Amino acid sequence: MEYIKSINVGIRFILELTLLFVFAYSSYRIFDNIFVRWFLAIALPLVVASIWGYYVAPKSQHILAMPWRSIIVVILYSLATIFLAKAGQGKLAVYFMGVFAVNEILIILWKQ
C-alpha cells in the first residue's frame, strides 16, 4: 500500500507542474494581443506557484489547514481547467480535471 501512496504523491507532483504549464499555455492561446499573451504566460504561472508555495506546499510555514488547503487547490485546478477548455482543449481539460479529482480524493483519504 505504501508503494501506491508514493505513486499518488508522484502523480501530484506531475499535476503541479502540469498546472503551471496549463496556465502558461492557455493564457498564450486565449488572448490575441502579443503583449498580453506573453505577460500572462509568464505572470500567471508565477502567481500560481507563489500561492502554492505559500499556502499549499508541505514544507511551507504558512500551510493552510484542511479544508482550506483543499479549497485553494480545487480553485486553482478548476481555473486551469476552464482556461484549458477556453484554449480549445476541451477533451484534455476533462482528462486533466479527472486525474486531479482522483488524486485529490486519495490525498484527502490517505492524509498525505
N, C-alpha and C. Protein backbone atom coordinates (compact mmCIF):
# COMPACT_ATOMS: atom_id res chain seq x y z
N MET A 1 0.81 -1.20 0.00
CA MET A 1 0.00 0.00 0.00
C MET A 1 0.86 1.27 0.00
N GLU A 2 1.97 1.24 0.69
CA GLU A 2 2.86 2.41 0.72
C GLU A 2 3.38 2.74 -0.67
N TYR A 3 3.59 1.72 -1.49
CA TYR A 3 4.05 1.92 -2.86
C TYR A 3 3.02 2.72 -3.66
N ILE A 4 1.75 2.37 -3.50
CA ILE A 4 0.67 3.07 -4.20
C ILE A 4 0.56 4.51 -3.70
N LYS A 5 0.73 4.71 -2.40
CA LYS A 5 0.69 6.06 -1.85
C LYS A 5 1.83 6.91 -2.40
N SER A 6 3.00 6.30 -2.57
CA SER A 6 4.14 7.02 -3.15
C SER A 6 3.87 7.40 -4.60
N ILE A 7 3.25 6.50 -5.33
CA ILE A 7 2.89 6.80 -6.72
C ILE A 7 1.90 7.96 -6.76
N ASN A 8 0.97 7.99 -5.84
CA ASN A 8 -0.01 9.08 -5.78
C ASN A 8 0.67 10.42 -5.53
N VAL A 9 1.67 10.44 -4.65
CA VAL A 9 2.42 11.67 -4.39
C VAL A 9 3.19 12.09 -5.65
N GLY A 10 3.75 11.12 -6.36
CA GLY A 10 4.45 11.42 -7.61
C GLY A 10 3.51 12.00 -8.66
N ILE A 11 2.31 11.44 -8.73
CA ILE A 11 1.31 11.97 -9.66
C ILE A 11 0.94 13.40 -9.28
N ARG A 12 0.84 13.68 -7.99
CA ARG A 12 0.54 15.05 -7.55
C ARG A 12 1.61 16.02 -8.02
N PHE A 13 2.88 15.61 -7.91
CA PHE A 13 3.97 16.47 -8.36
C PHE A 13 3.85 16.75 -9.86
N ILE A 14 3.56 15.72 -10.63
CA ILE A 14 3.39 15.90 -12.08
C ILE A 14 2.19 16.82 -12.35
N LEU A 15 1.12 16.66 -11.59
CA LEU A 15 -0.03 17.54 -11.74
C LEU A 15 0.31 18.99 -11.42
N GLU A 16 1.15 19.20 -10.41
CA GLU A 16 1.55 20.56 -10.05
C GLU A 16 2.32 21.22 -11.20
N LEU A 17 3.25 20.48 -11.79
CA LEU A 17 3.99 21.02 -12.93
C LEU A 17 3.07 21.27 -14.12
N THR A 18 2.14 20.34 -14.33
CA THR A 18 1.18 20.49 -15.42
C THR A 18 0.28 21.71 -15.19
N LEU A 19 -0.07 21.96 -13.93
CA LEU A 19 -0.89 23.13 -13.59
C LEU A 19 -0.21 24.41 -14.07
N LEU A 20 1.07 24.53 -13.79
CA LEU A 20 1.82 25.73 -14.21
C LEU A 20 1.87 25.82 -15.73
N PHE A 21 2.12 24.69 -16.39
CA PHE A 21 2.17 24.68 -17.85
C PHE A 21 0.82 25.05 -18.45
N VAL A 22 -0.26 24.54 -17.87
CA VAL A 22 -1.60 24.83 -18.39
C VAL A 22 -1.89 26.32 -18.34
N PHE A 23 -1.53 26.97 -17.24
CA PHE A 23 -1.76 28.41 -17.14
C PHE A 23 -0.94 29.16 -18.18
N ALA A 24 0.30 28.76 -18.40
CA ALA A 24 1.14 29.43 -19.39
C ALA A 24 0.60 29.19 -20.81
N TYR A 25 0.34 27.94 -21.14
CA TYR A 25 -0.13 27.57 -22.48
C TYR A 25 -1.47 28.23 -22.80
N SER A 26 -2.43 28.07 -21.89
CA SER A 26 -3.77 28.55 -22.19
C SER A 26 -3.84 30.07 -22.25
N SER A 27 -3.11 30.75 -21.39
CA SER A 27 -3.14 32.22 -21.45
C SER A 27 -2.50 32.71 -22.75
N TYR A 28 -1.51 31.99 -23.23
CA TYR A 28 -0.90 32.36 -24.51
C TYR A 28 -1.87 32.12 -25.66
N ARG A 29 -2.64 31.04 -25.59
CA ARG A 29 -3.56 30.70 -26.67
C ARG A 29 -4.85 31.52 -26.67
N ILE A 30 -5.30 31.94 -25.50
CA ILE A 30 -6.60 32.60 -25.39
C ILE A 30 -6.56 34.04 -25.90
N PHE A 31 -5.53 34.77 -25.57
CA PHE A 31 -5.50 36.20 -25.85
C PHE A 31 -4.85 36.50 -27.19
N ASP A 32 -5.31 37.57 -27.84
CA ASP A 32 -4.83 37.93 -29.16
C ASP A 32 -3.64 38.89 -29.12
N ASN A 33 -3.66 39.81 -28.20
CA ASN A 33 -2.60 40.81 -28.09
C ASN A 33 -1.30 40.12 -27.67
N ILE A 34 -0.25 40.30 -28.44
CA ILE A 34 1.02 39.60 -28.19
C ILE A 34 1.62 39.98 -26.85
N PHE A 35 1.47 41.25 -26.44
CA PHE A 35 1.99 41.67 -25.14
C PHE A 35 1.24 40.96 -24.01
N VAL A 36 -0.10 40.94 -24.10
CA VAL A 36 -0.91 40.27 -23.08
C VAL A 36 -0.60 38.78 -23.04
N ARG A 37 -0.46 38.18 -24.23
CA ARG A 37 -0.12 36.75 -24.30
C ARG A 37 1.14 36.43 -23.50
N TRP A 38 2.21 37.14 -23.81
CA TRP A 38 3.49 36.85 -23.16
C TRP A 38 3.48 37.23 -21.69
N PHE A 39 2.85 38.36 -21.38
CA PHE A 39 2.80 38.78 -19.98
C PHE A 39 2.09 37.73 -19.12
N LEU A 40 0.90 37.30 -19.56
CA LEU A 40 0.13 36.32 -18.78
C LEU A 40 0.77 34.94 -18.80
N ALA A 41 1.41 34.58 -19.91
CA ALA A 41 2.09 33.28 -19.98
C ALA A 41 3.23 33.19 -18.98
N ILE A 42 3.79 34.32 -18.63
CA ILE A 42 4.86 34.35 -17.63
C ILE A 42 4.30 34.63 -16.24
N ALA A 43 3.39 35.59 -16.13
CA ALA A 43 2.91 36.04 -14.82
C ALA A 43 1.99 35.03 -14.14
N LEU A 44 1.06 34.43 -14.87
CA LEU A 44 0.12 33.51 -14.23
C LEU A 44 0.81 32.31 -13.57
N PRO A 45 1.73 31.63 -14.24
CA PRO A 45 2.41 30.53 -13.54
C PRO A 45 3.20 31.00 -12.32
N LEU A 46 3.76 32.21 -12.38
CA LEU A 46 4.48 32.73 -11.22
C LEU A 46 3.54 33.01 -10.05
N VAL A 47 2.38 33.57 -10.34
CA VAL A 47 1.40 33.83 -9.29
C VAL A 47 0.90 32.52 -8.68
N VAL A 48 0.58 31.56 -9.54
CA VAL A 48 0.09 30.27 -9.06
C VAL A 48 1.17 29.56 -8.23
N ALA A 49 2.40 29.58 -8.70
CA ALA A 49 3.49 28.96 -7.95
C ALA A 49 3.69 29.65 -6.60
N SER A 50 3.52 30.95 -6.56
CA SER A 50 3.65 31.68 -5.30
C SER A 50 2.54 31.31 -4.32
N ILE A 51 1.32 31.24 -4.81
CA ILE A 51 0.20 30.85 -3.96
C ILE A 51 0.41 29.43 -3.45
N TRP A 52 0.81 28.55 -4.34
CA TRP A 52 1.03 27.15 -3.97
C TRP A 52 2.16 27.04 -2.93
N GLY A 53 3.24 27.70 -3.19
CA GLY A 53 4.37 27.63 -2.28
C GLY A 53 4.09 28.22 -0.92
N TYR A 54 3.26 29.23 -0.86
CA TYR A 54 2.97 29.92 0.40
C TYR A 54 1.90 29.21 1.22
N TYR A 55 0.85 28.71 0.55
CA TYR A 55 -0.29 28.17 1.28
C TYR A 55 -0.47 26.65 1.21
N VAL A 56 0.10 26.00 0.20
CA VAL A 56 -0.21 24.59 -0.03
C VAL A 56 0.99 23.66 0.15
N ALA A 57 2.17 24.12 -0.20
CA ALA A 57 3.36 23.26 -0.16
C ALA A 57 3.56 22.65 1.23
N PRO A 58 3.88 21.36 1.28
CA PRO A 58 4.00 20.67 2.57
C PRO A 58 5.01 21.29 3.54
N LYS A 59 6.06 21.89 3.04
CA LYS A 59 7.08 22.46 3.92
C LYS A 59 6.90 23.96 4.16
N SER A 60 5.77 24.50 3.74
CA SER A 60 5.50 25.92 3.95
C SER A 60 5.25 26.20 5.42
N GLN A 61 5.70 27.35 5.88
CA GLN A 61 5.43 27.76 7.26
C GLN A 61 4.02 28.31 7.40
N HIS A 62 3.35 28.56 6.28
CA HIS A 62 2.01 29.15 6.30
C HIS A 62 0.98 28.21 5.68
N ILE A 63 1.25 26.92 5.71
CA ILE A 63 0.33 25.96 5.08
C ILE A 63 -1.05 26.05 5.73
N LEU A 64 -2.06 26.04 4.90
CA LEU A 64 -3.43 26.14 5.38
C LEU A 64 -3.90 24.80 5.93
N ALA A 65 -4.76 24.86 6.92
CA ALA A 65 -5.36 23.65 7.47
C ALA A 65 -6.47 23.17 6.54
N MET A 66 -6.81 21.92 6.66
CA MET A 66 -7.93 21.39 5.91
C MET A 66 -9.20 22.00 6.50
N PRO A 67 -10.21 22.30 5.77
CA PRO A 67 -10.42 22.10 4.35
C PRO A 67 -9.94 23.25 3.48
N TRP A 68 -9.36 24.30 4.10
CA TRP A 68 -8.95 25.48 3.32
C TRP A 68 -7.89 25.16 2.29
N ARG A 69 -6.98 24.27 2.63
CA ARG A 69 -5.95 23.87 1.67
C ARG A 69 -6.60 23.26 0.44
N SER A 70 -7.53 22.35 0.66
CA SER A 70 -8.20 21.70 -0.47
C SER A 70 -9.03 22.68 -1.28
N ILE A 71 -9.61 23.66 -0.63
CA ILE A 71 -10.41 24.66 -1.35
C ILE A 71 -9.53 25.46 -2.29
N ILE A 72 -8.37 25.90 -1.81
CA ILE A 72 -7.43 26.65 -2.66
C ILE A 72 -6.98 25.79 -3.83
N VAL A 73 -6.65 24.52 -3.56
CA VAL A 73 -6.18 23.61 -4.61
C VAL A 73 -7.28 23.40 -5.65
N VAL A 74 -8.50 23.16 -5.21
CA VAL A 74 -9.60 22.94 -6.15
C VAL A 74 -9.86 24.20 -6.99
N ILE A 75 -9.77 25.36 -6.39
CA ILE A 75 -9.96 26.61 -7.14
C ILE A 75 -8.89 26.74 -8.23
N LEU A 76 -7.63 26.50 -7.88
CA LEU A 76 -6.55 26.63 -8.86
C LEU A 76 -6.71 25.64 -10.01
N TYR A 77 -7.02 24.38 -9.69
CA TYR A 77 -7.18 23.38 -10.75
C TYR A 77 -8.44 23.64 -11.57
N SER A 78 -9.49 24.15 -10.95
CA SER A 78 -10.71 24.48 -11.70
C SER A 78 -10.45 25.63 -12.68
N LEU A 79 -9.74 26.65 -12.21
CA LEU A 79 -9.38 27.76 -13.11
C LEU A 79 -8.53 27.27 -14.28
N ALA A 80 -7.57 26.40 -13.97
CA ALA A 80 -6.71 25.86 -15.04
C ALA A 80 -7.54 25.06 -16.04
N THR A 81 -8.50 24.30 -15.55
CA THR A 81 -9.35 23.50 -16.44
C THR A 81 -10.20 24.41 -17.32
N ILE A 82 -10.73 25.47 -16.75
CA ILE A 82 -11.53 26.43 -17.53
C ILE A 82 -10.66 27.09 -18.60
N PHE A 83 -9.46 27.50 -18.22
CA PHE A 83 -8.55 28.11 -19.18
C PHE A 83 -8.21 27.14 -20.30
N LEU A 84 -7.96 25.89 -19.94
CA LEU A 84 -7.60 24.88 -20.94
C LEU A 84 -8.76 24.65 -21.91
N ALA A 85 -9.97 24.58 -21.41
CA ALA A 85 -11.14 24.41 -22.27
C ALA A 85 -11.33 25.63 -23.17
N LYS A 86 -11.13 26.82 -22.59
CA LYS A 86 -11.27 28.06 -23.37
C LYS A 86 -10.20 28.15 -24.46
N ALA A 87 -9.07 27.50 -24.25
CA ALA A 87 -7.99 27.49 -25.25
C ALA A 87 -8.25 26.46 -26.35
N GLY A 88 -9.39 25.79 -26.31
CA GLY A 88 -9.74 24.84 -27.36
C GLY A 88 -9.33 23.41 -27.06
N GLN A 89 -8.99 23.11 -25.84
CA GLN A 89 -8.56 21.77 -25.46
C GLN A 89 -9.57 21.15 -24.50
N GLY A 90 -10.81 21.02 -24.95
CA GLY A 90 -11.89 20.54 -24.11
C GLY A 90 -11.68 19.13 -23.57
N LYS A 91 -11.31 18.20 -24.45
CA LYS A 91 -11.08 16.82 -24.00
C LYS A 91 -9.94 16.75 -22.99
N LEU A 92 -8.89 17.46 -23.30
CA LEU A 92 -7.73 17.47 -22.41
C LEU A 92 -8.11 18.08 -21.05
N ALA A 93 -8.97 19.08 -21.06
CA ALA A 93 -9.43 19.70 -19.82
C ALA A 93 -10.20 18.70 -18.97
N VAL A 94 -11.04 17.89 -19.60
CA VAL A 94 -11.80 16.87 -18.87
C VAL A 94 -10.86 15.83 -18.27
N TYR A 95 -9.88 15.37 -19.04
CA TYR A 95 -8.92 14.39 -18.53
C TYR A 95 -8.09 14.98 -17.38
N PHE A 96 -7.67 16.20 -17.56
CA PHE A 96 -6.87 16.89 -16.54
C PHE A 96 -7.64 16.97 -15.23
N MET A 97 -8.89 17.41 -15.30
CA MET A 97 -9.70 17.53 -14.08
C MET A 97 -10.00 16.16 -13.48
N GLY A 98 -10.19 15.17 -14.32
CA GLY A 98 -10.46 13.82 -13.82
C GLY A 98 -9.29 13.24 -13.05
N VAL A 99 -8.10 13.37 -13.60
CA VAL A 99 -6.91 12.87 -12.91
C VAL A 99 -6.71 13.64 -11.62
N PHE A 100 -6.89 14.96 -11.67
CA PHE A 100 -6.75 15.76 -10.45
C PHE A 100 -7.76 15.33 -9.39
N ALA A 101 -9.02 15.13 -9.78
CA ALA A 101 -10.06 14.78 -8.81
C ALA A 101 -9.75 13.47 -8.09
N VAL A 102 -9.35 12.47 -8.85
CA VAL A 102 -8.99 11.17 -8.24
C VAL A 102 -7.80 11.35 -7.31
N ASN A 103 -6.79 12.08 -7.77
CA ASN A 103 -5.60 12.30 -6.96
C ASN A 103 -5.93 13.05 -5.68
N GLU A 104 -6.73 14.08 -5.76
CA GLU A 104 -7.07 14.88 -4.57
C GLU A 104 -7.90 14.06 -3.58
N ILE A 105 -8.82 13.26 -4.07
CA ILE A 105 -9.61 12.41 -3.18
C ILE A 105 -8.71 11.43 -2.43
N LEU A 106 -7.76 10.83 -3.15
CA LEU A 106 -6.84 9.90 -2.49
C LEU A 106 -5.94 10.62 -1.49
N ILE A 107 -5.51 11.81 -1.82
CA ILE A 107 -4.67 12.57 -0.89
C ILE A 107 -5.44 12.89 0.39
N ILE A 108 -6.70 13.23 0.25
CA ILE A 108 -7.52 13.52 1.43
C ILE A 108 -7.77 12.25 2.24
N LEU A 109 -8.13 11.16 1.55
CA LEU A 109 -8.42 9.92 2.26
C LEU A 109 -7.19 9.36 2.98
N TRP A 110 -6.03 9.43 2.32
CA TRP A 110 -4.80 8.89 2.89
C TRP A 110 -4.05 9.90 3.74
N LYS A 111 -4.59 11.11 3.88
CA LYS A 111 -3.98 12.18 4.68
C LYS A 111 -2.52 12.42 4.30
N GLN A 112 -2.31 12.59 3.02
CA GLN A 112 -0.95 12.81 2.51
C GLN A 112 -0.62 14.28 2.49
